[in-house]
Amino acid sequence: MKRLILLSLVPIAACLDAPTARDNLFDPASTGVAVIEGVPDTIESRLATYALRLRTEPALPSDVVVRWEGDGVQILPPATLTPIEASYIAARHTIRARIGSRSDPRVIERQVIVRQRPKTLQMECTPTCTMDALAVGVEVRAQVRDSLGSLVAGLVGDNAPVVVARDTSVAVRIGISAVARGDGSTYLVGSFNGIPPLRDSILITVTQRIVYALVICPDAILEVGRTFQIVVNGLFDRNNQLYRPTPPTMVWLPNPINVAGPPPVVSTASVSPEGLVTALQPGGWSTKLVIQESGRVIAECSGSIVAPSPF
């Protein structure tokens, strides 16, 4: 009879020990294996995406829903992580997976570092890298991007890329502008002291263009046969800066005004290509100064020839 009772107690003891022999994965105090995987310890691009997964031992039942959340990162259903806050300055963010009860869930956390790693440096100028006037500038940008092409944020102060001009007689950088100082061309070189160091360059060209000429011409010539030299006082670009290169060939056009009457028709004045005006008949006269190569007008002169009074 005693042997029968002893055999009956063995399976009862086994049943009593079973609940404490294994861990409940859904218990907030559980120490069972639960690890967030699918994402590296350091995220180096703003547009990087990762498929998160929760590994547990034993594995979760297939119908269990994992609730994901994070600070400084975005997690899209069902479990795709992408950074929403990323810059050159490293920041630590937390990813959380919640399982079990909504009111008292088990929370599994994973720390990740988000820091944009500079991969490329590209020099750009807006709207163009060519200038046609002095003392004006174009915007110059040294664009630093991560491995997926996003601009790296937070590059200010000592972390900002440096841009210098190889020839400061042509263009000089002031802030983020290249300002023309004379005709010619030079490279603007951008550099970023990262790991690895990044460099790029862009060619800036300055070709000063004449827009107008300042001239002195007579309003009235009081004597037929008299001559007058039109004086060119200066050539200027669109920014009212004095044109510095060697001037192109310029010519004055003939006076188009003729005196009607018996043949032959006579012009009121003759104008030489050099700007020498000779009064021929009373009346108005005019001429234009053009750049010979392009035919572009850069100045006009007009006046009148007045016959002297007999009194």
Protein backbone atom coordinates (compact mmCIF):
# COMPACT_ATOMS: atom_id res chain seq x y z
CA MET A 1 0.00 0.00 0.00
CA LYS A 2 2.87 2.39 0.81
CA ARG A 3 4.54 1.71 -2.56
CA LEU A 4 1.35 2.61 -4.40
CA ILE A 5 1.06 5.98 -2.70
CA LEU A 6 4.73 6.90 -3.43
CA LEU A 7 4.39 6.23 -7.18
CA SER A 8 1.34 8.46 -7.31
CA LEU A 9 3.20 11.49 -5.86
CA VAL A 10 5.91 11.60 -8.57
CA PRO A 11 3.75 12.93 -11.44
CA ILE A 12 2.05 15.40 -9.08
CA ALA A 13 5.44 16.93 -8.10
CA ALA A 14 6.41 17.22 -11.76
CA CYS A 15 3.23 19.13 -12.50
CA LEU A 16 3.84 21.54 -9.62
CA ASP A 17 7.40 22.36 -10.83
CA ALA A 18 6.47 22.99 -14.50
CA PRO A 19 5.26 26.65 -14.23
CA THR A 20 8.52 27.78 -12.57
CA ALA A 21 10.81 25.86 -14.90
CA ARG A 22 10.24 28.10 -17.94
CA ASP A 23 9.91 31.89 -18.46
CA ASN A 24 6.75 33.60 -19.74
CA LEU A 25 7.87 35.79 -22.70
CA PHE A 26 4.94 38.15 -22.19
CA ASP A 27 5.68 38.86 -18.52
CA PRO A 28 7.08 42.43 -18.07
CA ALA A 29 9.63 41.01 -15.63
CA SER A 30 10.65 38.18 -17.93
CA THR A 31 14.37 37.52 -18.41
CA GLY A 32 13.84 35.31 -21.43
CA VAL A 33 15.76 36.01 -24.61
CA ALA A 34 14.17 38.86 -26.60
CA VAL A 35 16.40 40.84 -28.99
CA ILE A 36 15.60 43.50 -31.60
CA GLU A 37 17.44 42.70 -34.84
CA GLY A 38 17.61 43.97 -38.42
CA VAL A 39 19.25 47.32 -37.71
CA PRO A 40 22.95 48.17 -37.23
CA ASP A 41 24.30 49.83 -34.12
CA THR A 42 24.99 53.00 -36.16
CA ILE A 43 22.75 54.40 -38.91
CA GLU A 44 24.77 56.57 -41.31
CA SER A 45 22.22 57.90 -43.83
CA ARG A 46 19.00 59.89 -43.50
CA LEU A 47 17.18 57.74 -46.09
CA ALA A 48 18.35 54.36 -44.81
CA THR A 49 15.58 51.84 -44.14
CA TYR A 50 15.70 48.59 -42.16
CA ALA A 51 13.28 45.72 -41.61
CA LEU A 52 13.03 45.22 -37.86
CA ARG A 53 12.37 41.86 -36.28
CA LEU A 54 12.07 40.59 -32.73
CA ARG A 55 13.94 37.36 -31.97
CA THR A 56 12.80 35.45 -28.90
CA GLU A 57 13.58 32.08 -27.36
CA PRO A 58 11.32 30.27 -27.62
CA ALA A 59 9.92 31.88 -30.78
CA LEU A 60 6.74 33.91 -30.53
CA PRO A 61 3.57 32.37 -31.89
CA SER A 62 2.88 33.52 -35.44
CA ASP A 63 -0.30 35.35 -34.47
CA VAL A 64 1.40 37.60 -31.91
CA VAL A 65 1.52 41.26 -32.96
CA VAL A 66 4.65 43.24 -32.06
CA ARG A 67 3.99 46.92 -31.44
CA TRP A 68 6.95 49.06 -32.56
CA GLU A 69 7.86 52.61 -31.58
CA GLY A 70 10.93 54.80 -31.37
CA ASP A 71 12.18 58.30 -30.63
CA GLY A 72 14.08 60.14 -33.33
CA VAL A 73 13.27 57.41 -35.84
CA GLN A 74 10.14 56.52 -37.80
CA ILE A 75 8.77 52.99 -37.87
CA LEU A 76 6.28 52.28 -40.64
CA PRO A 77 3.97 49.25 -40.56
CA PRO A 78 4.66 46.47 -40.28
CA ALA A 79 8.22 47.07 -39.03
CA THR A 80 10.23 49.31 -41.38
CA LEU A 81 12.55 51.75 -39.65
CA THR A 82 13.89 54.97 -41.22
CA PRO A 83 15.58 57.93 -39.51
CA ILE A 84 13.67 61.20 -39.38
CA GLU A 85 16.27 63.09 -37.37
CA ALA A 86 19.77 62.77 -38.76
CA SER A 87 22.75 65.11 -38.88
CA TYR A 88 26.52 65.15 -38.74
CA ILE A 89 26.29 65.31 -34.94
CA ALA A 90 25.71 61.84 -33.53
CA ALA A 91 22.56 61.24 -31.50
CA ARG A 92 21.40 58.19 -29.55
CA HIS A 93 17.85 56.95 -30.15
CA THR A 94 15.78 54.15 -28.70
CA ILE A 95 13.75 51.52 -30.55
CA ARG A 96 11.06 49.70 -28.57
CA ALA A 97 9.09 46.54 -29.20
CA ARG A 98 6.02 45.86 -27.05
CA ILE A 99 4.38 42.48 -26.68
CA GLY A 100 1.67 41.14 -24.43
CA SER A 101 -0.91 43.20 -22.61
CA ARG A 102 -1.48 46.76 -23.81
CA SER A 103 -1.95 47.94 -20.24
CA ASP A 104 1.12 46.14 -18.86
CA PRO A 105 3.24 44.99 -21.80
CA ARG A 106 6.71 43.61 -21.91
CA VAL A 107 9.00 46.24 -23.46
CA ILE A 108 12.19 45.28 -25.29
CA GLU A 109 14.56 48.16 -26.14
CA ARG A 110 17.51 48.66 -28.48
CA GLN A 111 19.81 51.70 -28.57
CA VAL A 112 21.07 52.94 -31.97
CA ILE A 113 23.33 55.81 -32.97
CA VAL A 114 22.11 58.01 -35.84
CA ARG A 115 24.84 60.08 -37.51
CA GLN A 116 25.05 61.09 -41.15
CA ARG A 117 28.41 60.08 -42.51
CA PRO A 118 29.69 62.40 -45.28
CA LYS A 119 30.36 60.45 -48.43
CA THR A 120 30.67 62.99 -51.27
CA LEU A 121 31.37 66.70 -51.71
CA GLN A 122 30.05 68.52 -54.78
CA MET A 123 30.65 72.17 -55.65
CA GLU A 124 27.78 74.09 -57.28
CA CYS A 125 27.15 77.72 -58.25
CA THR A 126 23.81 79.43 -58.85
CA PRO A 127 22.53 80.55 -61.29
CA THR A 128 25.70 80.08 -63.33
CA CYS A 129 29.45 79.83 -62.90
CA THR A 130 30.05 82.60 -65.42
CA MET A 131 29.97 86.31 -64.54
CA ASP A 132 29.82 89.23 -66.99
CA ALA A 133 30.27 92.16 -64.58
CA LEU A 134 32.57 93.15 -61.75
CA ALA A 135 31.58 93.48 -58.09
CA VAL A 136 28.69 91.05 -58.48
CA GLY A 137 28.65 87.51 -57.21
CA VAL A 138 27.19 84.10 -57.73
CA GLU A 139 26.07 81.81 -54.94
CA VAL A 140 28.54 79.02 -54.31
CA ARG A 141 27.58 75.87 -52.42
CA ALA A 142 29.73 73.02 -51.21
CA GLN A 143 27.18 70.21 -51.00
CA VAL A 144 28.12 67.36 -48.64
CA ARG A 145 25.94 64.26 -48.99
CA ASP A 146 25.71 60.91 -47.29
CA SER A 147 25.90 57.53 -49.02
CA LEU A 148 22.26 57.69 -50.16
CA GLY A 149 22.47 61.24 -51.51
CA SER A 150 20.89 63.21 -48.65
CA LEU A 151 22.44 66.55 -47.72
CA VAL A 152 24.33 66.21 -44.46
CA ALA A 153 22.76 68.45 -41.83
CA GLY A 154 24.59 70.18 -39.00
CA LEU A 155 27.67 71.27 -40.99
CA VAL A 156 28.11 74.69 -39.41
CA GLY A 157 30.97 76.53 -37.76
CA ASP A 158 34.10 74.38 -37.52
CA ASN A 159 32.26 71.49 -39.18
CA ALA A 160 31.38 73.44 -42.34
CA PRO A 161 33.23 72.74 -45.60
CA VAL A 162 35.82 75.34 -46.61
CA VAL A 163 35.88 77.03 -50.04
CA VAL A 164 38.89 78.99 -51.32
CA ALA A 165 39.82 80.58 -54.65
CA ARG A 166 43.11 79.61 -56.25
CA ASP A 167 43.46 83.04 -57.88
CA THR A 168 42.01 85.85 -55.76
CA SER A 169 42.67 88.42 -58.50
CA VAL A 170 39.79 86.88 -60.43
CA ALA A 171 37.25 85.93 -57.83
CA VAL A 172 37.16 85.91 -54.06
CA ARG A 173 34.76 84.10 -51.75
CA ILE A 174 32.78 86.28 -49.36
CA GLY A 175 30.50 84.15 -47.24
CA ILE A 176 29.03 81.79 -49.82
CA SER A 177 29.49 84.03 -52.86
CA ALA A 178 32.17 84.28 -55.51
CA VAL A 179 32.65 87.97 -56.37
CA ALA A 180 34.25 89.01 -59.66
CA ARG A 181 37.28 91.27 -59.38
CA GLY A 182 38.63 91.08 -62.92
CA ASP A 183 38.51 89.18 -66.19
CA GLY A 184 39.79 85.64 -66.23
CA SER A 185 39.00 82.29 -64.66
CA THR A 186 39.88 80.43 -61.50
CA TYR A 187 38.96 77.29 -59.65
CA LEU A 188 37.07 77.45 -56.38
CA VAL A 189 38.19 74.49 -54.30
CA GLY A 190 35.95 73.02 -51.62
CA SER A 191 37.24 70.71 -48.92
CA PHE A 192 35.74 68.88 -45.98
CA ASN A 193 37.98 67.56 -43.24
CA GLY A 194 36.16 64.31 -42.62
CA ILE A 195 37.03 60.63 -42.70
CA PRO A 196 37.91 60.28 -45.47
CA PRO A 197 38.69 63.91 -46.44
CA LEU A 198 36.51 65.15 -49.31
CA ARG A 199 37.42 67.63 -52.08
CA ASP A 200 35.88 69.08 -55.22
CA SER A 201 36.44 72.12 -57.43
CA ILE A 202 34.49 74.26 -59.84
CA LEU A 203 35.64 76.69 -62.55
CA ILE A 204 34.50 80.30 -62.20
CA THR A 205 34.83 82.45 -65.34
CA VAL A 206 34.64 86.25 -65.45
CA THR A 207 34.18 87.91 -68.86
CA GLN A 208 33.29 91.55 -68.39
CA ARG A 209 30.73 92.69 -70.96
CA ILE A 210 30.26 96.29 -72.12
CA VAL A 211 26.66 97.43 -71.70
CA TYR A 212 26.94 101.15 -72.31
CA ALA A 213 29.40 103.94 -73.07
CA LEU A 214 29.48 107.40 -71.55
CA VAL A 215 29.95 109.94 -74.38
CA ILE A 216 30.11 113.70 -74.84
CA CYS A 217 28.46 115.13 -77.97
CA PRO A 218 27.17 118.62 -78.90
CA ASP A 219 23.51 119.57 -78.60
CA ALA A 220 23.83 122.14 -81.33
CA ILE A 221 26.36 123.07 -84.01
CA LEU A 222 26.00 126.71 -84.96
CA GLU A 223 28.00 126.79 -88.16
CA VAL A 224 27.82 124.75 -91.35
CA GLY A 225 31.19 123.24 -92.14
CA ARG A 226 32.24 123.05 -88.52
CA THR A 227 33.52 119.73 -87.13
CA PHE A 228 33.18 118.23 -83.69
CA GLN A 229 34.75 115.14 -82.14
CA ILE A 230 32.47 112.88 -80.12
CA VAL A 231 34.38 111.87 -76.97
CA VAL A 232 33.97 108.44 -75.37
CA ASN A 233 34.44 109.06 -71.65
CA GLY A 234 34.23 105.45 -70.45
CA LEU A 235 32.87 101.97 -71.05
CA PHE A 236 30.79 100.26 -68.35
CA ASP A 237 29.29 96.86 -67.54
CA ARG A 238 25.78 96.16 -66.25
CA ASN A 239 26.88 96.82 -62.68
CA ASN A 240 28.16 100.29 -63.65
CA GLN A 241 31.77 99.15 -63.21
CA LEU A 242 34.41 100.57 -65.52
CA TYR A 243 35.36 98.15 -68.29
CA ARG A 244 38.98 97.14 -67.66
CA PRO A 245 40.11 94.86 -70.50
CA THR A 246 41.39 96.17 -73.82
CA PRO A 247 38.36 97.74 -75.56
CA PRO A 248 37.00 96.03 -78.67
CA THR A 249 36.85 97.82 -82.01
CA MET A 250 34.00 100.35 -81.97
CA VAL A 251 32.65 102.48 -84.82
CA TRP A 252 30.19 105.34 -85.18
CA LEU A 253 27.47 104.78 -87.79
CA PRO A 254 26.84 107.32 -90.57
CA ASN A 255 24.22 110.01 -89.99
CA PRO A 256 20.93 108.68 -91.46
CA ILE A 257 19.26 112.10 -91.80
CA ASN A 258 19.26 113.66 -95.31
CA VAL A 259 17.99 117.00 -96.61
CA ALA A 260 15.19 116.58 -99.12
CA GLY A 261 15.31 118.71 -102.19
CA PRO A 262 16.57 118.77 -105.77
CA PRO A 263 19.11 116.05 -106.45
CA PRO A 264 21.58 115.29 -105.14
CA VAL A 265 20.14 114.61 -101.68
CA VAL A 266 22.58 115.91 -99.06
CA SER A 267 23.05 114.64 -95.52
CA THR A 268 22.79 117.15 -92.69
CA ALA A 269 26.13 115.95 -91.31
CA SER A 270 28.83 113.44 -92.03
CA VAL A 271 30.01 111.15 -89.24
CA SER A 272 33.28 109.26 -89.52
CA PRO A 273 33.74 105.81 -87.91
CA GLU A 274 36.00 107.55 -85.38
CA GLY A 275 33.23 109.92 -84.29
CA LEU A 276 34.20 113.10 -86.15
CA VAL A 277 31.00 115.04 -86.98
CA THR A 278 31.01 117.63 -89.82
CA ALA A 279 28.00 119.94 -90.23
CA LEU A 280 26.77 120.04 -93.86
CA GLN A 281 23.24 121.42 -93.81
CA PRO A 282 20.91 122.89 -91.19
CA GLY A 283 18.76 120.22 -89.52
CA GLY A 284 18.94 117.35 -87.10
CA TRP A 285 21.59 114.64 -87.04
CA SER A 286 22.19 111.41 -85.11
CA THR A 287 24.59 108.49 -84.87
CA LYS A 288 25.15 105.32 -82.86
CA LEU A 289 28.25 103.74 -81.42
CA VAL A 290 28.39 100.01 -82.06
CA ILE A 291 30.82 97.22 -81.24
CA GLN A 292 32.04 96.22 -84.67
CA GLU A 293 32.28 92.47 -84.03
CA SER A 294 28.72 92.04 -82.75
CA GLY A 295 26.96 95.15 -84.07
CA ARG A 296 25.61 95.80 -80.56
CA VAL A 297 24.72 99.45 -79.88
CA ILE A 298 26.30 100.85 -76.70
CA ALA A 299 25.71 104.64 -77.13
CA GLU A 300 23.77 107.17 -79.18
CA CYS A 301 24.46 110.80 -80.07
CA SER A 302 22.13 113.35 -81.66
CA GLY A 303 21.90 117.09 -82.08
CA SER A 304 21.03 119.88 -84.48
CA ILE A 305 22.80 122.10 -86.97
CA VAL A 306 21.56 125.64 -86.80
CA ALA A 307 22.16 128.13 -89.62
CA PRO A 308 23.60 131.39 -88.22
CA SER A 309 21.25 134.34 -88.07
CA PRO A 310 22.00 137.07 -90.62
CA PHE A 311 21.46 139.65 -87.91
